[in-house]
Amino acid sequence: EFVTYGLFTDHNAFEQHLNSAHVSNWLAGSSAWLA
């Protein structure tokens, strides 16, 4: 069991994070490791 904790300057910064290439690529492969 893992948890990520993120503190962002505002909701827009979170949205930019969510739409980043590294998050998008990670999400695309996440079914391989998520239970």
PDB file of all heavy atoms in Angstrom:
ATOM      1  N   GLU A   1       0.852  -1.189   0.000  1.00  0.00           N
ATOM      2  CA  GLU A   1       0.000   0.000   0.000  1.00  0.00           C
ATOM      3  C   GLU A   1       0.892   1.243   0.000  1.00  0.00           C
ATOM      4  O   GLU A   1       1.777   1.384   0.842  1.00  0.00           O
ATOM      5  CB  GLU A   1      -0.909   0.018   1.224  1.00  0.00           C
ATOM      6  CG  GLU A   1      -1.864   1.193   1.226  1.00  0.00           C
ATOM      7  CD  GLU A   1      -2.818   1.141   2.394  1.00  0.00           C
ATOM      8  OE1 GLU A   1      -3.707   0.290   2.386  1.00  0.00           O
ATOM      9  OE2 GLU A   1      -2.638   1.945   3.315  1.00  0.00           O
ATOM     10  N   PHE A   2       0.633   2.118  -0.963  1.00  0.00           N
ATOM     11  CA  PHE A   2       1.397   3.348  -1.101  1.00  0.00           C
ATOM     12  C   PHE A   2       0.447   4.532  -1.119  1.00  0.00           C
ATOM     13  O   PHE A   2      -0.730   4.400  -1.475  1.00  0.00           O
ATOM     14  CB  PHE A   2       2.212   3.328  -2.400  1.00  0.00           C
ATOM     15  CG  PHE A   2       3.300   2.304  -2.411  1.00  0.00           C
ATOM     16  CD1 PHE A   2       3.022   0.978  -2.714  1.00  0.00           C
ATOM     17  CD2 PHE A   2       4.595   2.670  -2.112  1.00  0.00           C
ATOM     18  CE1 PHE A   2       4.028   0.023  -2.728  1.00  0.00           C
ATOM     19  CE2 PHE A   2       5.612   1.714  -2.120  1.00  0.00           C
ATOM     20  CZ  PHE A   2       5.324   0.395  -2.425  1.00  0.00           C
ATOM     21  N   VAL A   3       0.977   5.694  -0.756  1.00  0.00           N
ATOM     22  CA  VAL A   3       0.207   6.933  -0.780  1.00  0.00           C
ATOM     23  C   VAL A   3       1.116   8.026  -1.320  1.00  0.00           C
ATOM     24  O   VAL A   3       2.288   8.108  -0.950  1.00  0.00           O
ATOM     25  CB  VAL A   3      -0.275   7.326   0.637  1.00  0.00           C
ATOM     26  CG1 VAL A   3      -0.905   8.703   0.657  1.00  0.00           C
ATOM     27  CG2 VAL A   3      -1.255   6.304   1.174  1.00  0.00           C
ATOM     28  N   THR A   4       0.579   8.844  -2.224  1.00  0.00           N
ATOM     29  CA  THR A   4       1.297  10.056  -2.603  1.00  0.00           C
ATOM     30  C   THR A   4       0.631  11.232  -1.912  1.00  0.00           C
ATOM     31  O   THR A   4      -0.590  11.244  -1.714  1.00  0.00           O
ATOM     32  CB  THR A   4       1.317  10.305  -4.131  1.00  0.00           C
ATOM     33  OG1 THR A   4      -0.011  10.442  -4.605  1.00  0.00           O
ATOM     34  CG2 THR A   4       2.037   9.200  -4.858  1.00  0.00           C
ATOM     35  N   TYR A   5       1.449  12.193  -1.540  1.00  0.00           N
ATOM     36  CA  TYR A   5       0.974  13.428  -0.926  1.00  0.00           C
ATOM     37  C   TYR A   5       1.514  14.564  -1.773  1.00  0.00           C
ATOM     38  O   TYR A   5       2.719  14.643  -2.021  1.00  0.00           O
ATOM     39  CB  TYR A   5       1.491  13.545   0.509  1.00  0.00           C
ATOM     40  CG  TYR A   5       1.213  14.899   1.130  1.00  0.00           C
ATOM     41  CD1 TYR A   5      -0.013  15.154   1.737  1.00  0.00           C
ATOM     42  CD2 TYR A   5       2.146  15.933   1.068  1.00  0.00           C
ATOM     43  CE1 TYR A   5      -0.284  16.405   2.285  1.00  0.00           C
ATOM     44  CE2 TYR A   5       1.878  17.175   1.601  1.00  0.00           C
ATOM     45  CZ  TYR A   5       0.669  17.395   2.212  1.00  0.00           C
ATOM     46  OH  TYR A   5       0.387  18.635   2.744  1.00  0.00           O
ATOM     47  N   GLY A   6       0.617  15.416  -2.233  1.00  0.00           N
ATOM     48  CA  GLY A   6       1.037  16.564  -3.027  1.00  0.00           C
ATOM     49  C   GLY A   6       0.446  17.846  -2.481  1.00  0.00           C
ATOM     50  O   GLY A   6      -0.743  17.898  -2.184  1.00  0.00           O
ATOM     51  N   LEU A   7       1.280  18.855  -2.339  1.00  0.00           N
ATOM     52  CA  LEU A   7       0.838  20.193  -1.950  1.00  0.00           C
ATOM     53  C   LEU A   7       1.128  21.100  -3.134  1.00  0.00           C
ATOM     54  O   LEU A   7       2.286  21.249  -3.553  1.00  0.00           O
ATOM     55  CB  LEU A   7       1.577  20.680  -0.703  1.00  0.00           C
ATOM     56  CG  LEU A   7       1.331  22.131  -0.275  1.00  0.00           C
ATOM     57  CD1 LEU A   7      -0.143  22.357   0.061  1.00  0.00           C
ATOM     58  CD2 LEU A   7       2.216  22.495   0.914  1.00  0.00           C
ATOM     59  N   PHE A   8       0.067  21.678  -3.679  1.00  0.00           N
ATOM     60  CA  PHE A   8       0.150  22.517  -4.877  1.00  0.00           C
ATOM     61  C   PHE A   8      -0.239  23.947  -4.523  1.00  0.00           C
ATOM     62  O   PHE A   8      -1.044  24.179  -3.623  1.00  0.00           O
ATOM     63  CB  PHE A   8      -0.793  21.973  -5.958  1.00  0.00           C
ATOM     64  CG  PHE A   8      -0.473  20.560  -6.363  1.00  0.00           C
ATOM     65  CD1 PHE A   8      -0.991  19.481  -5.672  1.00  0.00           C
ATOM     66  CD2 PHE A   8       0.358  20.315  -7.444  1.00  0.00           C
ATOM     67  CE1 PHE A   8      -0.689  18.181  -6.039  1.00  0.00           C
ATOM     68  CE2 PHE A   8       0.667  19.014  -7.819  1.00  0.00           C
ATOM     69  CZ  PHE A   8       0.147  17.949  -7.110  1.00  0.00           C
ATOM     70  N   THR A   9       0.304  24.906  -5.265  1.00  0.00           N
ATOM     71  CA  THR A   9       0.010  26.311  -4.980  1.00  0.00           C
ATOM     72  C   THR A   9      -1.470  26.629  -5.164  1.00  0.00           C
ATOM     73  O   THR A   9      -2.001  27.500  -4.488  1.00  0.00           O
ATOM     74  CB  THR A   9       0.842  27.247  -5.876  1.00  0.00           C
ATOM     75  OG1 THR A   9       0.639  26.880  -7.246  1.00  0.00           O
ATOM     76  CG2 THR A   9       2.316  27.176  -5.523  1.00  0.00           C
ATOM     77  N   ASP A  10      -2.134  25.905  -6.079  1.00  0.00           N
ATOM     78  CA  ASP A  10      -3.568  26.094  -6.297  1.00  0.00           C
ATOM     79  C   ASP A  10      -4.092  24.925  -7.137  1.00  0.00           C
ATOM     80  O   ASP A  10      -3.324  24.039  -7.537  1.00  0.00           O
ATOM     81  CB  ASP A  10      -3.879  27.434  -6.969  1.00  0.00           C
ATOM     82  CG  ASP A  10      -3.122  27.656  -8.266  1.00  0.00           C
ATOM     83  OD1 ASP A  10      -2.746  26.676  -8.941  1.00  0.00           O
ATOM     84  OD2 ASP A  10      -2.908  28.825  -8.625  1.00  0.00           O
ATOM     85  N   HIS A  11      -5.389  24.914  -7.396  1.00  0.00           N
ATOM     86  CA  HIS A  11      -5.996  23.827  -8.153  1.00  0.00           C
ATOM     87  C   HIS A  11      -5.462  23.780  -9.584  1.00  0.00           C
ATOM     88  O   HIS A  11      -5.281  22.697 -10.153  1.00  0.00           O
ATOM     89  CB  HIS A  11      -7.526  23.948  -8.151  1.00  0.00           C
ATOM     90  CG  HIS A  11      -8.186  22.771  -8.793  1.00  0.00           C
ATOM     91  ND1 HIS A  11      -8.286  21.557  -8.162  1.00  0.00           N
ATOM     92  CD2 HIS A  11      -8.745  22.614 -10.015  1.00  0.00           C
ATOM     93  CE1 HIS A  11      -8.887  20.694  -8.968  1.00  0.00           C
ATOM     94  NE2 HIS A  11      -9.177  21.309 -10.092  1.00  0.00           N
ATOM     95  N   ASN A  12      -5.167  24.921 -10.163  1.00  0.00           N
ATOM     96  CA  ASN A  12      -4.620  24.969 -11.513  1.00  0.00           C
ATOM     97  C   ASN A  12      -3.269  24.245 -11.580  1.00  0.00           C
ATOM     98  O   ASN A  12      -2.994  23.522 -12.543  1.00  0.00           O
ATOM     99  CB  ASN A  12      -4.486  26.416 -11.992  1.00  0.00           C
ATOM    100  CG  ASN A  12      -4.031  26.494 -13.432  1.00  0.00           C
ATOM    101  OD1 ASN A  12      -4.588  25.848 -14.312  1.00  0.00           O
ATOM    102  ND2 ASN A  12      -2.994  27.283 -13.673  1.00  0.00           N
ATOM    103  N   ALA A  13      -2.435  24.431 -10.573  1.00  0.00           N
ATOM    104  CA  ALA A  13      -1.142  23.733 -10.539  1.00  0.00           C
ATOM    105  C   ALA A  13      -1.352  22.222 -10.474  1.00  0.00           C
ATOM    106  O   ALA A  13      -0.625  21.461 -11.119  1.00  0.00           O
ATOM    107  CB  ALA A  13      -0.317  24.210  -9.351  1.00  0.00           C
ATOM    108  N   PHE A  14      -2.358  21.789  -9.728  1.00  0.00           N
ATOM    109  CA  PHE A  14      -2.670  20.361  -9.680  1.00  0.00           C
ATOM    110  C   PHE A  14      -3.118  19.870 -11.048  1.00  0.00           C
ATOM    111  O   PHE A  14      -2.696  18.812 -11.506  1.00  0.00           O
ATOM    112  CB  PHE A  14      -3.743  20.064  -8.630  1.00  0.00           C
ATOM    113  CG  PHE A  14      -4.318  18.685  -8.775  1.00  0.00           C
ATOM    114  CD1 PHE A  14      -3.544  17.568  -8.512  1.00  0.00           C
ATOM    115  CD2 PHE A  14      -5.615  18.514  -9.207  1.00  0.00           C
ATOM    116  CE1 PHE A  14      -4.072  16.290  -8.673  1.00  0.00           C
ATOM    117  CE2 PHE A  14      -6.143  17.245  -9.373  1.00  0.00           C
ATOM    118  CZ  PHE A  14      -5.364  16.126  -9.103  1.00  0.00           C
ATOM    119  N   GLU A  15      -3.968  20.628 -11.725  1.00  0.00           N
ATOM    120  CA  GLU A  15      -4.446  20.236 -13.055  1.00  0.00           C
ATOM    121  C   GLU A  15      -3.279  20.131 -14.036  1.00  0.00           C
ATOM    122  O   GLU A  15      -3.238  19.212 -14.859  1.00  0.00           O
ATOM    123  CB  GLU A  15      -5.488  21.231 -13.570  1.00  0.00           C
ATOM    124  CG  GLU A  15      -6.812  21.163 -12.844  1.00  0.00           C
ATOM    125  CD  GLU A  15      -7.574  19.874 -13.095  1.00  0.00           C
ATOM    126  OE1 GLU A  15      -7.414  19.268 -14.175  1.00  0.00           O
ATOM    127  OE2 GLU A  15      -8.320  19.456 -12.191  1.00  0.00           O
ATOM    128  N   GLN A  16      -2.338  21.066 -13.955  1.00  0.00           N
ATOM    129  CA  GLN A  16      -1.161  21.008 -14.823  1.00  0.00           C
ATOM    130  C   GLN A  16      -0.342  19.752 -14.530  1.00  0.00           C
ATOM    131  O   GLN A  16       0.168  19.105 -15.447  1.00  0.00           O
ATOM    132  CB  GLN A  16      -0.314  22.267 -14.661  1.00  0.00           C
ATOM    133  CG  GLN A  16      -0.977  23.491 -15.259  1.00  0.00           C
ATOM    134  CD  GLN A  16      -0.169  24.754 -15.050  1.00  0.00           C
ATOM    135  OE1 GLN A  16       0.816  24.778 -14.323  1.00  0.00           O
ATOM    136  NE2 GLN A  16      -0.610  25.826 -15.682  1.00  0.00           N
ATOM    137  N   HIS A  17      -0.214  19.415 -13.253  1.00  0.00           N
ATOM    138  CA  HIS A  17       0.491  18.191 -12.859  1.00  0.00           C
ATOM    139  C   HIS A  17      -0.213  16.967 -13.447  1.00  0.00           C
ATOM    140  O   HIS A  17       0.424  16.100 -14.040  1.00  0.00           O
ATOM    141  CB  HIS A  17       0.543  18.098 -11.335  1.00  0.00           C
ATOM    142  CG  HIS A  17       0.884  16.750 -10.815  1.00  0.00           C
ATOM    143  ND1 HIS A  17       2.156  16.226 -10.883  1.00  0.00           N
ATOM    144  CD2 HIS A  17       0.113  15.797 -10.229  1.00  0.00           C
ATOM    145  CE1 HIS A  17       2.161  15.017 -10.354  1.00  0.00           C
ATOM    146  NE2 HIS A  17       0.925  14.732  -9.956  1.00  0.00           N
ATOM    147  N   LEU A  18      -1.513  16.929 -13.297  1.00  0.00           N
ATOM    148  CA  LEU A  18      -2.294  15.791 -13.776  1.00  0.00           C
ATOM    149  C   LEU A  18      -2.176  15.613 -15.286  1.00  0.00           C
ATOM    150  O   LEU A  18      -2.186  14.488 -15.788  1.00  0.00           O
ATOM    151  CB  LEU A  18      -3.760  15.993 -13.378  1.00  0.00           C
ATOM    152  CG  LEU A  18      -4.673  14.791 -13.430  1.00  0.00           C
ATOM    153  CD1 LEU A  18      -4.169  13.663 -12.559  1.00  0.00           C
ATOM    154  CD2 LEU A  18      -6.078  15.188 -13.005  1.00  0.00           C
ATOM    155  N   ASN A  19      -2.025  16.702 -16.015  1.00  0.00           N
ATOM    156  CA  ASN A  19      -1.929  16.656 -17.472  1.00  0.00           C
ATOM    157  C   ASN A  19      -0.491  16.579 -17.993  1.00  0.00           C
ATOM    158  O   ASN A  19      -0.282  16.600 -19.203  1.00  0.00           O
ATOM    159  CB  ASN A  19      -2.635  17.875 -18.075  1.00  0.00           C
ATOM    160  CG  ASN A  19      -4.132  17.811 -17.848  1.00  0.00           C
ATOM    161  OD1 ASN A  19      -4.751  16.773 -18.021  1.00  0.00           O
ATOM    162  ND2 ASN A  19      -4.709  18.921 -17.413  1.00  0.00           N
ATOM    163  N   SER A  20       0.465  16.465 -17.086  1.00  0.00           N
ATOM    164  CA  SER A  20       1.873  16.388 -17.510  1.00  0.00           C
ATOM    165  C   SER A  20       2.148  15.055 -18.197  1.00  0.00           C
ATOM    166  O   SER A  20       1.447  14.060 -17.989  1.00  0.00           O
ATOM    167  CB  SER A  20       2.795  16.549 -16.290  1.00  0.00           C
ATOM    168  OG  SER A  20       2.659  15.426 -15.428  1.00  0.00           O
ATOM    169  N   ALA A  21       3.172  15.030 -19.011  1.00  0.00           N
ATOM    170  CA  ALA A  21       3.527  13.817 -19.757  1.00  0.00           C
ATOM    171  C   ALA A  21       3.894  12.679 -18.816  1.00  0.00           C
ATOM    172  O   ALA A  21       3.488  11.532 -19.034  1.00  0.00           O
ATOM    173  CB  ALA A  21       4.680  14.107 -20.715  1.00  0.00           C
ATOM    174  N   HIS A  22       4.641  12.975 -17.746  1.00  0.00           N
ATOM    175  CA  HIS A  22       5.071  11.886 -16.854  1.00  0.00           C
ATOM    176  C   HIS A  22       3.888  11.261 -16.110  1.00  0.00           C
ATOM    177  O   HIS A  22       3.859  10.054 -15.916  1.00  0.00           O
ATOM    178  CB  HIS A  22       6.178  12.338 -15.892  1.00  0.00           C
ATOM    179  CG  HIS A  22       5.872  13.560 -15.107  1.00  0.00           C
ATOM    180  ND1 HIS A  22       6.119  14.811 -15.581  1.00  0.00           N
ATOM    181  CD2 HIS A  22       5.342  13.716 -13.877  1.00  0.00           C
ATOM    182  CE1 HIS A  22       5.759  15.702 -14.675  1.00  0.00           C
ATOM    183  NE2 HIS A  22       5.282  15.069 -13.628  1.00  0.00           N
ATOM    184  N   VAL A  23       2.903  12.050 -15.736  1.00  0.00           N
ATOM    185  CA  VAL A  23       1.720  11.488 -15.068  1.00  0.00           C
ATOM    186  C   VAL A  23       0.859  10.737 -16.085  1.00  0.00           C
ATOM    187  O   VAL A  23       0.389   9.628 -15.810  1.00  0.00           O
ATOM    188  CB  VAL A  23       0.913  12.582 -14.332  1.00  0.00           C
ATOM    189  CG1 VAL A  23      -0.417  12.035 -13.830  1.00  0.00           C
ATOM    190  CG2 VAL A  23       1.730  13.146 -13.179  1.00  0.00           C
ATOM    191  N   SER A  24       0.661  11.316 -17.249  1.00  0.00           N
ATOM    192  CA  SER A  24      -0.138  10.649 -18.290  1.00  0.00           C
ATOM    193  C   SER A  24       0.454   9.295 -18.668  1.00  0.00           C
ATOM    194  O   SER A  24      -0.269   8.301 -18.795  1.00  0.00           O
ATOM    195  CB  SER A  24      -0.242  11.531 -19.530  1.00  0.00           C
ATOM    196  OG  SER A  24      -0.931  12.714 -19.241  1.00  0.00           O
ATOM    197  N   ASN A  25       1.777   9.250 -18.845  1.00  0.00           N
ATOM    198  CA  ASN A  25       2.441   7.986 -19.191  1.00  0.00           C
ATOM    199  C   ASN A  25       2.315   6.970 -18.059  1.00  0.00           C
ATOM    200  O   ASN A  25       2.094   5.783 -18.308  1.00  0.00           O
ATOM    201  CB  ASN A  25       3.917   8.229 -19.524  1.00  0.00           C
ATOM    202  CG  ASN A  25       4.088   9.004 -20.808  1.00  0.00           C
ATOM    203  OD1 ASN A  25       3.218   9.002 -21.676  1.00  0.00           O
ATOM    204  ND2 ASN A  25       5.208   9.685 -20.922  1.00  0.00           N
ATOM    205  N   TRP A  26       2.458   7.430 -16.830  1.00  0.00           N
ATOM    206  CA  TRP A  26       2.326   6.540 -15.681  1.00  0.00           C
ATOM    207  C   TRP A  26       0.909   5.973 -15.609  1.00  0.00           C
ATOM    208  O   TRP A  26       0.719   4.776 -15.417  1.00  0.00           O
ATOM    209  CB  TRP A  26       2.681   7.293 -14.394  1.00  0.00           C
ATOM    210  CG  TRP A  26       2.689   6.421 -13.193  1.00  0.00           C
ATOM    211  CD1 TRP A  26       3.759   5.746 -12.693  1.00  0.00           C
ATOM    212  CD2 TRP A  26       1.580   6.124 -12.343  1.00  0.00           C
ATOM    213  NE1 TRP A  26       3.373   5.036 -11.587  1.00  0.00           N
ATOM    214  CE2 TRP A  26       2.045   5.251 -11.345  1.00  0.00           C
ATOM    215  CE3 TRP A  26       0.246   6.501 -12.321  1.00  0.00           C
ATOM    216  CZ2 TRP A  26       1.222   4.756 -10.344  1.00  0.00           C
ATOM    217  CZ3 TRP A  26      -0.581   6.000 -11.333  1.00  0.00           C
ATOM    218  CH2 TRP A  26      -0.092   5.146 -10.344  1.00  0.00           C
ATOM    219  N   LEU A  27      -0.084   6.831 -15.781  1.00  0.00           N
ATOM    220  CA  LEU A  27      -1.480   6.383 -15.732  1.00  0.00           C
ATOM    221  C   LEU A  27      -1.782   5.365 -16.831  1.00  0.00           C
ATOM    222  O   LEU A  27      -2.530   4.403 -16.604  1.00  0.00           O
ATOM    223  CB  LEU A  27      -2.426   7.579 -15.845  1.00  0.00           C
ATOM    224  CG  LEU A  27      -2.518   8.478 -14.625  1.00  0.00           C
ATOM    225  CD1 LEU A  27      -3.285   9.755 -14.961  1.00  0.00           C
ATOM    226  CD2 LEU A  27      -3.167   7.750 -13.458  1.00  0.00           C
ATOM    227  N   ALA A  28      -1.197   5.552 -17.995  1.00  0.00           N
ATOM    228  CA  ALA A  28      -1.450   4.646 -19.118  1.00  0.00           C
ATOM    229  C   ALA A  28      -1.000   3.218 -18.809  1.00  0.00           C
ATOM    230  O   ALA A  28      -1.609   2.259 -19.287  1.00  0.00           O
ATOM    231  CB  ALA A  28      -0.751   5.158 -20.376  1.00  0.00           C
ATOM    232  N   GLY A  29       0.034   3.062 -17.998  1.00  0.00           N
ATOM    233  CA  GLY A  29       0.529   1.722 -17.677  1.00  0.00           C
ATOM    234  C   GLY A  29       0.123   1.216 -16.316  1.00  0.00           C
ATOM    235  O   GLY A  29       0.502   0.118 -15.920  1.00  0.00           O
ATOM    236  N   SER A  30      -0.675   1.993 -15.586  1.00  0.00           N
ATOM    237  CA  SER A  30      -0.944   1.681 -14.177  1.00  0.00           C
ATOM    238  C   SER A  30      -1.709   0.384 -13.944  1.00  0.00           C
ATOM    239  O   SER A  30      -1.619  -0.200 -12.864  1.00  0.00           O
ATOM    240  CB  SER A  30      -1.664   2.844 -13.502  1.00  0.00           C
ATOM    241  OG  SER A  30      -2.936   3.052 -14.088  1.00  0.00           O
ATOM    242  N   SER A  31      -2.438  -0.114 -14.929  1.00  0.00           N
ATOM    243  CA  SER A  31      -3.185  -1.354 -14.723  1.00  0.00           C
ATOM    244  C   SER A  31      -2.239  -2.536 -14.501  1.00  0.00           C
ATOM    245  O   SER A  31      -2.642  -3.557 -13.942  1.00  0.00           O
ATOM    246  CB  SER A  31      -4.114  -1.631 -15.900  1.00  0.00           C
ATOM    247  OG  SER A  31      -3.364  -1.832 -17.083  1.00  0.00           O
ATOM    248  N   ALA A  32      -0.976  -2.401 -14.899  1.00  0.00           N
ATOM    249  CA  ALA A  32      -0.010  -3.478 -14.706  1.00  0.00           C
ATOM    250  C   ALA A  32       0.352  -3.674 -13.236  1.00  0.00           C
ATOM    251  O   ALA A  32       0.767  -4.761 -12.849  1.00  0.00           O
ATOM    252  CB  ALA A  32       1.258  -3.193 -15.518  1.00  0.00           C
ATOM    253  N   TRP A  33       0.208  -2.631 -12.407  1.00  0.00           N
ATOM    254  CA  TRP A  33       0.617  -2.754 -11.007  1.00  0.00           C
ATOM    255  C   TRP A  33      -0.467  -2.419  -9.995  1.00  0.00           C
ATOM    256  O   TRP A  33      -0.338  -2.745  -8.827  1.00  0.00           O
ATOM    257  CB  TRP A  33       1.874  -1.925 -10.739  1.00  0.00           C
ATOM    258  CG  TRP A  33       1.769  -0.496 -11.167  1.00  0.00           C
ATOM    259  CD1 TRP A  33       1.147   0.519 -10.508  1.00  0.00           C
ATOM    260  CD2 TRP A  33       2.302   0.089 -12.353  1.00  0.00           C
ATOM    261  NE1 TRP A  33       1.253   1.690 -11.216  1.00  0.00           N
ATOM    262  CE2 TRP A  33       1.965   1.454 -12.353  1.00  0.00           C
ATOM    263  CE3 TRP A  33       3.037  -0.413 -13.422  1.00  0.00           C
ATOM    264  CZ2 TRP A  33       2.332   2.324 -13.371  1.00  0.00           C
ATOM    265  CZ3 TRP A  33       3.406   0.454 -14.445  1.00  0.00           C
ATOM    266  CH2 TRP A  33       3.056   1.797 -14.405  1.00  0.00           C
ATOM    267  N   LEU A  34      -1.538  -1.789 -10.400  1.00  0.00           N
ATOM    268  CA  LEU A  34      -2.597  -1.449  -9.441  1.00  0.00           C
ATOM    269  C   LEU A  34      -3.477  -2.669  -9.154  1.00  0.00           C
ATOM    270  O   LEU A  34      -3.986  -3.311 -10.064  1.00  0.00           O
ATOM    271  CB  LEU A  34      -3.465  -0.312  -9.971  1.00  0.00           C
ATOM    272  CG  LEU A  34      -2.862   1.089  -9.922  1.00  0.00           C
ATOM    273  CD1 LEU A  34      -3.807   2.091 -10.568  1.00  0.00           C
ATOM    274  CD2 LEU A  34      -2.537   1.496  -8.496  1.00  0.00           C
ATOM    275  N   ALA A  35      -3.680  -2.957  -7.863  1.00  0.00           N
ATOM    276  CA  ALA A  35      -4.535  -4.064  -7.443  1.00  0.00           C
ATOM    277  C   ALA A  35      -6.002  -3.656  -7.427  1.00  0.00           C
ATOM    278  O   ALA A  35      -6.885  -4.500  -7.516  1.00  0.00           O
ATOM    279  CB  ALA A  35      -4.116  -4.546  -6.056  1.00  0.00           C
TER     280      ALA A  35
END
